[in-house]
C-alpha atoms as a PDB file:
ATOM      1  CA  MET A   1      19.640  23.306  27.546  1.00  0.00           C
ATOM      2  CA  ARG A   2      19.891  23.512  23.732  1.00  0.00           C
ATOM      3  CA  LYS A   3      19.365  26.940  22.214  1.00  0.00           C
ATOM      4  CA  LEU A   4      16.644  27.103  19.552  1.00  0.00           C
ATOM      5  CA  PRO A   5      15.539  29.998  17.327  1.00  0.00           C
ATOM      6  CA  PRO A   6      12.200  31.620  18.190  1.00  0.00           C
ATOM      7  CA  LEU A   7       9.176  29.763  16.864  1.00  0.00           C
ATOM      8  CA  THR A   8       7.692  32.923  15.318  1.00  0.00           C
ATOM      9  CA  GLU A   9      10.714  33.381  13.048  1.00  0.00           C
ATOM     10  CA  LEU A  10      10.647  29.724  12.010  1.00  0.00           C
ATOM     11  CA  ARG A  11       6.933  29.930  11.147  1.00  0.00           C
ATOM     12  CA  ALA A  12       7.549  33.031   9.052  1.00  0.00           C
ATOM     13  CA  PHE A  13      10.444  31.373   7.247  1.00  0.00           C
ATOM     14  CA  GLU A  14       8.509  28.146   6.557  1.00  0.00           C
ATOM     15  CA  ALA A  15       5.530  30.015   5.099  1.00  0.00           C
ATOM     16  CA  ALA A  16       7.688  32.361   3.012  1.00  0.00           C
ATOM     17  CA  ALA A  17       9.832  29.496   1.702  1.00  0.00           C
ATOM     18  CA  ARG A  18       6.769  27.426   0.830  1.00  0.00           C
ATOM     19  CA  HIS A  19       5.065  30.272  -1.034  1.00  0.00           C
ATOM     20  CA  LEU A  20       8.272  32.003  -2.192  1.00  0.00           C
ATOM     21  CA  SER A  21       6.398  35.191  -1.348  1.00  0.00           C
ATOM     22  CA  PHE A  22       6.440  37.414   1.737  1.00  0.00           C
ATOM     23  CA  LYS A  23       3.002  38.733   0.784  1.00  0.00           C
ATOM     24  CA  ARG A  24       1.339  35.300   0.625  1.00  0.00           C
ATOM     25  CA  ALA A  25       3.121  34.188   3.799  1.00  0.00           C
ATOM     26  CA  ALA A  26       1.819  37.305   5.546  1.00  0.00           C
ATOM     27  CA  GLY A  27      -1.723  36.532   4.403  1.00  0.00           C
ATOM     28  CA  GLU A  28      -1.494  32.983   5.744  1.00  0.00           C
ATOM     29  CA  LEU A  29      -0.155  34.095   9.145  1.00  0.00           C
ATOM     30  CA  TYR A  30      -2.383  37.206   9.412  1.00  0.00           C
ATOM     31  CA  VAL A  31       0.502  39.666   9.678  1.00  0.00           C
ATOM     32  CA  THR A  32       1.948  42.283   7.324  1.00  0.00           C
ATOM     33  CA  PRO A  33       4.636  41.584   4.696  1.00  0.00           C
ATOM     34  CA  THR A  34       6.872  43.966   6.627  1.00  0.00           C
ATOM     35  CA  ALA A  35       6.489  41.786   9.721  1.00  0.00           C
ATOM     36  CA  ILE A  36       7.450  38.680   7.709  1.00  0.00           C
ATOM     37  CA  SER A  37      10.517  40.484   6.322  1.00  0.00           C
ATOM     38  CA  HIS A  38      11.546  41.553   9.831  1.00  0.00           C
ATOM     39  CA  GLN A  39      11.167  38.014  11.223  1.00  0.00           C
ATOM     40  CA  ILE A  40      13.201  36.556   8.349  1.00  0.00           C
ATOM     41  CA  LYS A  41      15.984  39.085   9.017  1.00  0.00           C
ATOM     42  CA  LEU A  42      16.039  38.076  12.703  1.00  0.00           C
ATOM     43  CA  LEU A  43      16.342  34.391  11.693  1.00  0.00           C
ATOM     44  CA  GLU A  44      19.102  35.205   9.200  1.00  0.00           C
ATOM     45  CA  ARG A  45      20.956  37.067  11.929  1.00  0.00           C
ATOM     46  CA  TYR A  46      20.569  34.028  14.184  1.00  0.00           C
ATOM     47  CA  CYS A  47      21.877  31.688  11.444  1.00  0.00           C
ATOM     48  CA  GLY A  48      24.578  34.047  10.258  1.00  0.00           C
ATOM     49  CA  ARG A  49      23.554  33.319   6.652  1.00  0.00           C
ATOM     50  CA  ALA A  50      21.165  34.824   4.130  1.00  0.00           C
ATOM     51  CA  LEU A  51      18.172  32.543   3.565  1.00  0.00           C
ATOM     52  CA  PHE A  52      16.544  34.325   0.615  1.00  0.00           C
ATOM     53  CA  ARG A  53      17.715  36.048  -2.550  1.00  0.00           C
ATOM     54  CA  ARG A  54      15.463  39.086  -2.705  1.00  0.00           C
ATOM     55  CA  ARG A  55      16.930  40.574  -5.886  1.00  0.00           C
ATOM     56  CA  PRO A  56      16.359  40.147  -8.728  1.00  0.00           C
ATOM     57  CA  ARG A  57      12.776  38.967  -8.378  1.00  0.00           C
ATOM     58  CA  PRO A  58      11.164  36.461  -8.013  1.00  0.00           C
ATOM     59  CA  LEU A  59      12.090  35.546  -4.445  1.00  0.00           C
ATOM     60  CA  LYS A  60      14.379  32.509  -4.214  1.00  0.00           C
ATOM     61  CA  LEU A  61      15.995  30.482  -1.465  1.00  0.00           C
ATOM     62  CA  THR A  62      19.748  30.600  -1.025  1.00  0.00           C
ATOM     63  CA  THR A  63      21.731  27.406  -0.567  1.00  0.00           C
ATOM     64  CA  ALA A  64      21.393  27.832   3.212  1.00  0.00           C
ATOM     65  CA  GLY A  65      17.646  28.412   2.845  1.00  0.00           C
ATOM     66  CA  GLU A  66      17.252  25.274   0.719  1.00  0.00           C
ATOM     67  CA  GLN A  67      19.081  23.326   3.403  1.00  0.00           C
ATOM     68  CA  LEU A  68      16.934  24.677   6.232  1.00  0.00           C
ATOM     69  CA  PHE A  69      13.494  24.618   4.599  1.00  0.00           C
ATOM     70  CA  PRO A  70      12.791  20.838   4.448  1.00  0.00           C
ATOM     71  CA  VAL A  71      13.924  20.443   8.067  1.00  0.00           C
ATOM     72  CA  VAL A  72      11.595  23.170   9.313  1.00  0.00           C
ATOM     73  CA  ARG A  73       8.719  22.063   7.065  1.00  0.00           C
ATOM     74  CA  ASP A  74       8.939  18.426   8.178  1.00  0.00           C
ATOM     75  CA  GLY A  75       9.322  19.483  11.794  1.00  0.00           C
ATOM     76  CA  PHE A  76       6.091  21.480  11.717  1.00  0.00           C
ATOM     77  CA  GLN A  77       4.329  18.581   9.993  1.00  0.00           C
ATOM     78  CA  THR A  78       5.522  16.203  12.712  1.00  0.00           C
ATOM     79  CA  PHE A  79       4.231  18.559  15.417  1.00  0.00           C
ATOM     80  CA  ALA A  80       0.860  18.730  13.678  1.00  0.00           C
ATOM     81  CA  ASP A  81       0.624  14.965  13.259  1.00  0.00           C
ATOM     82  CA  VAL A  82       1.449  14.179  16.882  1.00  0.00           C
ATOM     83  CA  LEU A  83      -0.832  16.863  18.296  1.00  0.00           C
ATOM     84  CA  ALA A  84      -3.656  15.654  16.068  1.00  0.00           C
ATOM     85  CA  THR A  85      -3.415  12.166  17.526  1.00  0.00           C
ATOM     86  CA  MET A  86      -3.549  13.510  21.098  1.00  0.00           C
ATOM     87  CA  ARG A  87      -6.985  15.096  20.749  1.00  0.00           C
ATOM     88  CA  PRO A  88      -9.673  12.600  21.831  1.00  0.00           C
ATOM     89  CA  GLY A  89     -11.929  11.426  19.023  1.00  0.00           C
ATOM     90  CA  THR A  90      -9.923  13.002  16.202  1.00  0.00           C
ATOM     91  CA  THR A  91      -8.606  11.225  13.125  1.00  0.00           C
ATOM     92  CA  GLY A  92      -6.079  13.731  11.836  1.00  0.00           C
ATOM     93  CA  GLY A  93      -2.375  13.301  11.232  1.00  0.00           C
ATOM     94  CA  ARG A  94      -0.637  10.488   9.357  1.00  0.00           C
ATOM     95  CA  LEU A  95      -0.542   6.693   9.477  1.00  0.00           C
ATOM     96  CA  ARG A  96       2.172   4.391   8.143  1.00  0.00           C
ATOM     97  CA  ILE A  97       0.651   1.242   6.627  1.00  0.00           C
ATOM     98  CA  THR A  98       2.810  -1.713   5.660  1.00  0.00           C
ATOM     99  CA  ALA A  99       1.500  -4.468   3.393  1.00  0.00           C
ATOM    100  CA  THR A 100       2.847  -6.928   0.859  1.00  0.00           C
ATOM    101  CA  ASN A 101       3.652  -5.444  -2.529  1.00  0.00           C
ATOM    102  CA  ALA A 102       0.838  -7.423  -4.153  1.00  0.00           C
ATOM    103  CA  PHE A 103      -1.837  -6.439  -1.623  1.00  0.00           C
ATOM    104  CA  ALA A 104      -0.754  -2.797  -1.618  1.00  0.00           C
ATOM    105  CA  ALA A 105      -0.910  -2.579  -5.418  1.00  0.00           C
ATOM    106  CA  ARG A 106      -3.949  -4.753  -6.122  1.00  0.00           C
ATOM    107  CA  TRP A 107      -6.229  -4.036  -3.128  1.00  0.00           C
ATOM    108  CA  LEU A 108      -5.160  -0.975  -1.157  1.00  0.00           C
ATOM    109  CA  VAL A 109      -4.034   1.584  -3.737  1.00  0.00           C
ATOM    110  CA  PRO A 110      -7.168   1.311  -5.945  1.00  0.00           C
ATOM    111  CA  ARG A 111      -9.326   2.090  -2.882  1.00  0.00           C
ATOM    112  CA  LEU A 112      -7.391   5.135  -1.651  1.00  0.00           C
ATOM    113  CA  PRO A 113      -9.734   7.643  -3.367  1.00  0.00           C
ATOM    114  CA  PHE A 114     -12.552   6.303  -1.154  1.00  0.00           C
ATOM    115  CA  TRP A 115     -10.333   6.757   1.894  1.00  0.00           C
ATOM    116  CA  ARG A 116      -9.599  10.381   1.057  1.00  0.00           C
ATOM    117  CA  THR A 117     -13.315  11.034   0.663  1.00  0.00           C
ATOM    118  CA  VAL A 118     -14.208   9.880   4.196  1.00  0.00           C
ATOM    119  CA  HIS A 119     -10.965  10.827   5.998  1.00  0.00           C
ATOM    120  CA  PRO A 120      -9.398  13.776   4.125  1.00  0.00           C
ATOM    121  CA  ARG A 121      -7.388  14.935   7.173  1.00  0.00           C
ATOM    122  CA  LEU A 122      -5.795  11.578   7.925  1.00  0.00           C
ATOM    123  CA  LYS A 123      -2.883  10.977   5.539  1.00  0.00           C
ATOM    124  CA  LEU A 124      -1.546   7.512   4.730  1.00  0.00           C
ATOM    125  CA  ASP A 125       2.024   6.452   3.985  1.00  0.00           C
ATOM    126  CA  ILE A 126       1.839   3.121   2.122  1.00  0.00           C
ATOM    127  CA  LEU A 127       4.910   0.923   2.609  1.00  0.00           C
ATOM    128  CA  GLY A 128       4.702  -1.894   0.080  1.00  0.00           C
ATOM    129  CA  THR A 129       7.209  -4.545   1.082  1.00  0.00           C
ATOM    130  CA  ASP A 130       7.350  -8.289   1.626  1.00  0.00           C
ATOM    131  CA  ALA A 131       9.685  -7.714   4.578  1.00  0.00           C
ATOM    132  CA  VAL A 132       8.158  -7.853   8.060  1.00  0.00           C
ATOM    133  CA  LEU A 133       8.435  -4.382   9.593  1.00  0.00           C
ATOM    134  CA  ASP A 134       8.610  -4.036  13.370  1.00  0.00           C
ATOM    135  CA  LEU A 135       5.533  -2.386  14.865  1.00  0.00           C
ATOM    136  CA  ALA A 136       7.114  -2.249  18.321  1.00  0.00           C
ATOM    137  CA  THR A 137       9.889   0.068  17.132  1.00  0.00           C
ATOM    138  CA  GLY A 138       7.538   2.298  15.147  1.00  0.00           C
ATOM    139  CA  GLU A 139       8.557   1.202  11.636  1.00  0.00           C
ATOM    140  CA  ALA A 140       4.834   1.203  10.852  1.00  0.00           C
ATOM    141  CA  ASP A 141       1.589   1.974  12.678  1.00  0.00           C
ATOM    142  CA  ILE A 142      -0.470  -0.785  11.044  1.00  0.00           C
ATOM    143  CA  ALA A 143       0.701  -3.979   9.352  1.00  0.00           C
ATOM    144  CA  ILE A 144      -1.392  -6.027   6.944  1.00  0.00           C
ATOM    145  CA  ARG A 145       0.159  -9.463   7.319  1.00  0.00           C
ATOM    146  CA  TYR A 146      -0.445 -12.399   4.993  1.00  0.00           C
ATOM    147  CA  ALA A 147      -0.379 -15.705   6.888  1.00  0.00           C
ATOM    148  CA  ARG A 148      -2.094 -19.092   7.279  1.00  0.00           C
ATOM    149  CA  ARG A 149      -3.170 -18.270  10.825  1.00  0.00           C
ATOM    150  CA  PRO A 150      -3.280 -15.141  13.014  1.00  0.00           C
ATOM    151  CA  PRO A 151       0.235 -13.837  13.750  1.00  0.00           C
ATOM    152  CA  PRO A 152       1.174 -13.892  17.450  1.00  0.00           C
ATOM    153  CA  GLY A 153       1.328 -10.692  19.500  1.00  0.00           C
ATOM    154  CA  ASP A 154      -0.138  -7.251  18.834  1.00  0.00           C
ATOM    155  CA  HIS A 155      -3.831  -6.657  18.229  1.00  0.00           C
ATOM    156  CA  CYS A 156      -5.033  -8.719  15.269  1.00  0.00           C
ATOM    157  CA  ILE A 157      -8.137  -8.467  13.039  1.00  0.00           C
ATOM    158  CA  GLU A 158      -8.800 -10.770  10.084  1.00  0.00           C
ATOM    159  CA  LEU A 159      -9.617  -8.596   7.095  1.00  0.00           C
ATOM    160  CA  ALA A 160     -10.089 -11.310   4.467  1.00  0.00           C
ATOM    161  CA  ARG A 161      -9.168 -14.868   3.547  1.00  0.00           C
ATOM    162  CA  ASP A 162      -8.439 -15.831  -0.013  1.00  0.00           C
ATOM    163  CA  THR A 163      -8.819 -18.889  -2.199  1.00  0.00           C
ATOM    164  CA  PHE A 164      -6.459 -19.663  -5.071  1.00  0.00           C
ATOM    165  CA  ARG A 165      -8.166 -20.232  -8.407  1.00  0.00           C
ATOM    166  CA  VAL A 166      -6.855 -21.344 -11.792  1.00  0.00           C
ATOM    167  CA  VAL A 167      -7.469 -18.339 -14.047  1.00  0.00           C
ATOM    168  CA  ALA A 168      -6.705 -17.209 -17.562  1.00  0.00           C
ATOM    169  CA  SER A 169      -7.570 -14.496 -20.010  1.00  0.00           C
ATOM    170  CA  PRO A 170     -10.533 -15.362 -22.300  1.00  0.00           C
ATOM    171  CA  LYS A 171      -8.280 -14.168 -25.129  1.00  0.00           C
ATOM    172  CA  LEU A 172      -6.063 -17.184 -24.426  1.00  0.00           C
ATOM    173  CA  VAL A 173      -8.604 -19.932 -23.686  1.00  0.00           C
ATOM    174  CA  GLY A 174     -11.770 -18.649 -25.338  1.00  0.00           C
ATOM    175  CA  GLU A 175     -11.939 -21.233 -28.109  1.00  0.00           C
ATOM    176  CA  ARG A 176     -11.401 -24.120 -25.733  1.00  0.00           C
ATOM    177  CA  LEU A 177     -14.335 -22.997 -23.587  1.00  0.00           C
ATOM    178  CA  VAL A 178     -16.803 -22.623 -26.467  1.00  0.00           C
ATOM    179  CA  GLY A 179     -19.645 -25.079 -25.820  1.00  0.00           C
ATOM    180  CA  ASN A 180     -18.208 -25.988 -22.407  1.00  0.00           C
ATOM    181  CA  ARG A 181     -21.070 -25.439 -19.970  1.00  0.00           C
ATOM    182  CA  ASP A 182     -19.043 -25.359 -16.774  1.00  0.00           C
ATOM    183  CA  LYS A 183     -16.261 -23.309 -18.410  1.00  0.00           C
ATOM    184  CA  SER A 184     -13.507 -25.529 -17.071  1.00  0.00           C
ATOM    185  CA  LEU A 185     -10.515 -27.200 -18.642  1.00  0.00           C
ATOM    186  CA  SER A 186      -9.333 -30.715 -17.841  1.00  0.00           C
ATOM    187  CA  PRO A 187      -5.758 -31.174 -16.574  1.00  0.00           C
ATOM    188  CA  ALA A 188      -4.813 -32.518 -20.011  1.00  0.00           C
ATOM    189  CA  GLU A 189      -6.223 -29.381 -21.629  1.00  0.00           C
ATOM    190  CA  LEU A 190      -4.406 -27.146 -19.138  1.00  0.00           C
ATOM    191  CA  ALA A 191      -1.163 -28.836 -20.170  1.00  0.00           C
ATOM    192  CA  ARG A 192      -1.564 -27.465 -23.691  1.00  0.00           C
ATOM    193  CA  TYR A 193      -1.109 -23.878 -22.492  1.00  0.00           C
ATOM    194  CA  PRO A 194       1.825 -22.034 -20.956  1.00  0.00           C
ATOM    195  CA  LEU A 195       1.534 -22.351 -17.176  1.00  0.00           C
ATOM    196  CA  ILE A 196       2.533 -19.416 -14.985  1.00  0.00           C
ATOM    197  CA  GLU A 197       4.173 -20.074 -11.626  1.00  0.00           C
ATOM    198  CA  THR A 198       4.750 -17.777  -8.645  1.00  0.00           C
ATOM    199  CA  GLU A 199       7.687 -18.398  -6.334  1.00  0.00           C
ATOM    200  CA  TRP A 200       6.729 -19.308  -2.748  1.00  0.00           C
ATOM    201  CA  PRO A 201       8.994 -19.897   0.273  1.00  0.00           C
ATOM    202  CA  SER A 202      10.448 -23.402   0.278  1.00  0.00           C
ATOM    203  CA  THR A 203       9.299 -23.777   3.885  1.00  0.00           C
ATOM    204  CA  ASP A 204       5.638 -23.513   2.843  1.00  0.00           C
ATOM    205  CA  LEU A 205       4.861 -27.144   1.999  1.00  0.00           C
ATOM    206  CA  ASP A 206       1.251 -26.292   1.106  1.00  0.00           C
ATOM    207  CA  ALA A 207       2.056 -23.342  -1.144  1.00  0.00           C
ATOM    208  CA  PRO A 208      -0.654 -22.729  -3.791  1.00  0.00           C
ATOM    209  CA  ASN A 209       1.471 -23.679  -6.778  1.00  0.00           C
ATOM    210  CA  TRP A 210       1.106 -26.104  -9.675  1.00  0.00           C
ATOM    211  CA  LYS A 211       2.731 -28.935  -7.719  1.00  0.00           C
ATOM    212  CA  ARG A 212       0.136 -28.578  -4.966  1.00  0.00           C
ATOM    213  CA  TRP A 213      -2.716 -28.254  -7.482  1.00  0.00           C
ATOM    214  CA  GLN A 214      -1.484 -31.355  -9.305  1.00  0.00           C
ATOM    215  CA  THR A 215      -1.426 -33.348  -6.035  1.00  0.00           C
ATOM    216  CA  MET A 216      -5.000 -32.296  -5.241  1.00  0.00           C
ATOM    217  CA  ALA A 217      -6.169 -33.115  -8.775  1.00  0.00           C
ATOM    218  CA  ARG A 218      -4.684 -36.623  -8.658  1.00  0.00           C
ATOM    219  CA  ARG A 219      -6.777 -37.395  -5.583  1.00  0.00           C
ATOM    220  CA  ARG A 220      -9.902 -36.883  -7.690  1.00  0.00           C
ATOM    221  CA  LEU A 221      -8.884 -37.799 -11.211  1.00  0.00           C
ATOM    222  CA  LYS A 222      -7.043 -40.725 -12.745  1.00  0.00           C
ATOM    223  CA  ARG A 223      -5.088 -38.987 -15.477  1.00  0.00           C
ATOM    224  CA  VAL A 224      -3.297 -35.806 -14.499  1.00  0.00           C
ATOM    225  CA  PRO A 225      -0.127 -34.822 -16.381  1.00  0.00           C
ATOM    226  CA  ASP A 226       2.924 -33.531 -14.549  1.00  0.00           C
ATOM    227  CA  LEU A 227       1.882 -29.895 -14.677  1.00  0.00           C
ATOM    228  CA  ALA A 228       4.568 -28.802 -12.227  1.00  0.00           C
ATOM    229  CA  ARG A 229       7.204 -29.677 -14.816  1.00  0.00           C
ATOM    230  CA  LEU A 230       5.310 -27.977 -17.617  1.00  0.00           C
ATOM    231  CA  GLN A 231       5.198 -24.479 -16.136  1.00  0.00           C
ATOM    232  CA  GLY A 232       6.680 -22.155 -18.730  1.00  0.00           C
ATOM    233  CA  LEU A 233       6.831 -18.811 -16.909  1.00  0.00           C
ATOM    234  CA  ALA A 234       8.006 -18.302 -13.347  1.00  0.00           C
ATOM    235  CA  PHE A 235       7.961 -15.066 -11.367  1.00  0.00           C
ATOM    236  CA  ARG A 236       9.317 -14.140  -7.977  1.00  0.00           C
ATOM    237  CA  GLU A 237       6.768 -11.303  -7.646  1.00  0.00           C
ATOM    238  CA  GLU A 238       3.101 -12.317  -7.452  1.00  0.00           C
ATOM    239  CA  LEU A 239       2.213  -9.034  -9.155  1.00  0.00           C
ATOM    240  CA  HIS A 240       4.148 -10.028 -12.264  1.00  0.00           C
ATOM    241  CA  ALA A 241       2.435 -13.408 -12.474  1.00  0.00           C
ATOM    242  CA  ILE A 242      -0.980 -11.716 -12.278  1.00  0.00           C
ATOM    243  CA  GLU A 243      -0.083  -9.230 -15.003  1.00  0.00           C
ATOM    244  CA  ALA A 244       1.182 -12.045 -17.232  1.00  0.00           C
ATOM    245  CA  ALA A 245      -2.129 -13.883 -16.832  1.00  0.00           C
ATOM    246  CA  ILE A 246      -4.146 -10.731 -17.553  1.00  0.00           C
ATOM    247  CA  SER A 247      -2.193 -10.112 -20.754  1.00  0.00           C
ATOM    248  CA  GLY A 248      -2.911 -13.660 -21.966  1.00  0.00           C
ATOM    249  CA  GLN A 249       0.586 -15.094 -21.582  1.00  0.00           C
ATOM    250  CA  GLY A 250      -0.537 -18.212 -19.749  1.00  0.00           C
ATOM    251  CA  ILE A 251      -2.696 -19.816 -17.066  1.00  0.00           C
ATOM    252  CA  ALA A 252      -1.968 -18.930 -13.439  1.00  0.00           C
ATOM    253  CA  ILE A 253      -3.090 -19.873  -9.942  1.00  0.00           C
ATOM    254  CA  CYS A 254      -4.100 -16.562  -8.348  1.00  0.00           C
ATOM    255  CA  SER A 255      -5.569 -15.230  -5.124  1.00  0.00           C
ATOM    256  CA  ASP A 256      -9.223 -14.378  -5.679  1.00  0.00           C
ATOM    257  CA  VAL A 257      -8.824 -11.369  -3.389  1.00  0.00           C
ATOM    258  CA  LEU A 258      -6.100  -9.899  -5.575  1.00  0.00           C
ATOM    259  CA  VAL A 259      -7.789 -10.581  -8.929  1.00  0.00           C
ATOM    260  CA  ALA A 260     -11.383  -9.951  -7.812  1.00  0.00           C
ATOM    261  CA  PRO A 261     -11.900  -6.977 -10.180  1.00  0.00           C
ATOM    262  CA  GLU A 262     -10.685  -8.963 -13.187  1.00  0.00           C
ATOM    263  CA  LEU A 263     -12.859 -11.971 -12.315  1.00  0.00           C
ATOM    264  CA  ALA A 264     -15.884  -9.705 -11.884  1.00  0.00           C
ATOM    265  CA  SER A 265     -15.301  -7.861 -15.171  1.00  0.00           C
ATOM    266  CA  GLY A 266     -14.408 -10.925 -17.224  1.00  0.00           C
ATOM    267  CA  VAL A 267     -10.830  -9.841 -17.889  1.00  0.00           C
ATOM    268  CA  LEU A 268      -9.896 -13.130 -16.224  1.00  0.00           C
ATOM    269  CA  THR A 269     -12.007 -16.279 -16.049  1.00  0.00           C
ATOM    270  CA  GLN A 270     -11.755 -19.276 -13.758  1.00  0.00           C
ATOM    271  CA  VAL A 271     -10.909 -22.331 -15.880  1.00  0.00           C
ATOM    272  CA  SER A 272     -11.028 -25.101 -13.258  1.00  0.00           C
ATOM    273  CA  LYS A 273     -13.384 -25.937 -10.409  1.00  0.00           C
ATOM    274  CA  LEU A 274     -10.487 -27.252  -8.342  1.00  0.00           C
ATOM    275  CA  THR A 275      -9.243 -24.546  -5.956  1.00  0.00           C
ATOM    276  CA  LEU A 276      -6.549 -24.358  -3.301  1.00  0.00           C
ATOM    277  CA  PRO A 277      -6.930 -22.926   0.215  1.00  0.00           C
ATOM    278  CA  GLY A 278      -5.259 -19.585   0.721  1.00  0.00           C
ATOM    279  CA  TYR A 279      -4.154 -17.372   3.565  1.00  0.00           C
ATOM    280  CA  GLY A 280      -5.578 -14.666   5.775  1.00  0.00           C
ATOM    281  CA  PHE A 281      -4.968 -10.935   5.484  1.00  0.00           C
ATOM    282  CA  TYR A 282      -4.600  -9.674   9.052  1.00  0.00           C
ATOM    283  CA  LEU A 283      -4.637  -6.105  10.347  1.00  0.00           C
ATOM    284  CA  LEU A 284      -2.128  -5.761  13.176  1.00  0.00           C
ATOM    285  CA  TYR A 285      -1.321  -2.834  15.437  1.00  0.00           C
ATOM    286  CA  ARG A 286       0.309  -2.264  18.791  1.00  0.00           C
ATOM    287  CA  PRO A 287      -2.065  -2.115  21.798  1.00  0.00           C
ATOM    288  CA  GLY A 288      -2.007   1.266  23.488  1.00  0.00           C
ATOM    289  CA  HIS A 289      -0.724   2.989  20.342  1.00  0.00           C
ATOM    290  CA  PRO A 290      -0.992   6.813  20.678  1.00  0.00           C
ATOM    291  CA  LYS A 291      -2.753   6.944  17.287  1.00  0.00           C
ATOM    292  CA  LEU A 292      -5.387   4.422  18.329  1.00  0.00           C
ATOM    293  CA  THR A 293      -8.353   6.548  17.194  1.00  0.00           C
ATOM    294  CA  SER A 294      -6.887   6.921  13.701  1.00  0.00           C
ATOM    295  CA  ILE A 295      -5.883   3.256  13.571  1.00  0.00           C
ATOM    296  CA  SER A 296      -9.411   2.194  14.501  1.00  0.00           C
ATOM    297  CA  ALA A 297     -10.789   4.437  11.760  1.00  0.00           C
ATOM    298  CA  PHE A 298      -8.526   2.789   9.167  1.00  0.00           C
ATOM    299  CA  CYS A 299      -9.404  -0.740  10.319  1.00  0.00           C
ATOM    300  CA  ALA A 300     -13.143  -0.007  10.193  1.00  0.00           C
ATOM    301  CA  TRP A 301     -12.781   1.495   6.717  1.00  0.00           C
ATOM    302  CA  ALA A 302     -10.727  -1.454   5.410  1.00  0.00           C
ATOM    303  CA  ARG A 303     -13.283  -3.954   6.693  1.00  0.00           C
ATOM    304  CA  SER A 304     -16.139  -2.029   5.093  1.00  0.00           C
ATOM    305  CA  MET A 305     -14.270  -1.969   1.766  1.00  0.00           C
ATOM    306  CA  GLN A 306     -13.723  -5.729   1.885  1.00  0.00           C
ATOM    307  CA  GLN A 307     -17.374  -6.384   2.746  1.00  0.00           C
ATOM    308  CA  GLU A 308     -18.436  -4.388  -0.302  1.00  0.00           C
ATOM    309  CA  ALA A 309     -16.095  -6.420  -2.477  1.00  0.00           C
ATOM    310  CA  ARG A 310     -17.736  -9.727  -1.519  1.00  0.00           C
END
C-alpha cells in the first residue's frame, strides 16, 4: 500500500501556498496560524525539504514548494469535481466541451457570461478543435459535432442546423445595392468583387463553396460566370474567411448560425437569395456518464440559447 502524507498537512500547505500567508490560510481552515505552521513543519519533515521561505518576509515558496503546490492544488480540485458530480441533482464541478474552432469562437464563447450567471458552480473547459476527440476515453464530456446527419453512437441531440448564405459587408457592396429592392446581386455582379473561399474536405462533394453555389445558380439562370475560378481569397480556417468578409475584403458564403449577430446588426448583409443547405450541430455525450446531471444542464442551456437566437 502506497504511503501518503496526512490530508490535514496537505490542506494546510495548499491553503498557505495559495494565499502565501499562514494567517489567511488559518482563517480559511478555521484554525490558528500556529496550527498551520505546525502542520507545514510536519509536511516538510515528511518531504525532507523546506517548502516555504519564511525570512525575509513576505512568505515565499521554495523550489520544492513550487514543485509540490500545483500537484496538490489540482488534486484537491479533482476531488471536488468528482464528488460534486456524485451528489444527486447537483451541477457542480467541471465539464470539458469540445467543438469546432469556428463554433467555439462564434457561438459558444460569446454566450459564456450567460452560462456563468445560471450555473456559477459548474466550470467549463472549452476545447476548440476540428479534430474528433474520443468521448469513450474521456477526452471530453460533451462534443458538439458538425455533420450532415446525426453521428452514430453516443447520445445525440440536434442543437441547430445552418444554411449557407452569400454575405458581404455593406461597406463593400453598398453602392451596388442602392435602389435594389431585394438587395441581391446577380452572378455577373458578384464576379466584379473579390470572392472569399473556405477550404472544405475533398470528400464532401456537396461542400458549400463557390463551385457548389455556381452549379445551383446555373440550374436557375442562363448566364452564370465561372465564379469558382474567380475566388481571390482562400482560407483553411472558416473563422478567417468570416473575419475577411466582415472587414470588407470580399464576398463569402457563410453559415447563418456563425454570422447571425452580424446579419442581425447589419455588419453583414445577404447579397443573394440563392442559399446552400448546411449541416447540423449535434450535442453528443456518453450514456451513463457520471456527470450526467451537469451534462443535461449544459444541453438544456445550449438549446435555450439557440432558441433565443432564432
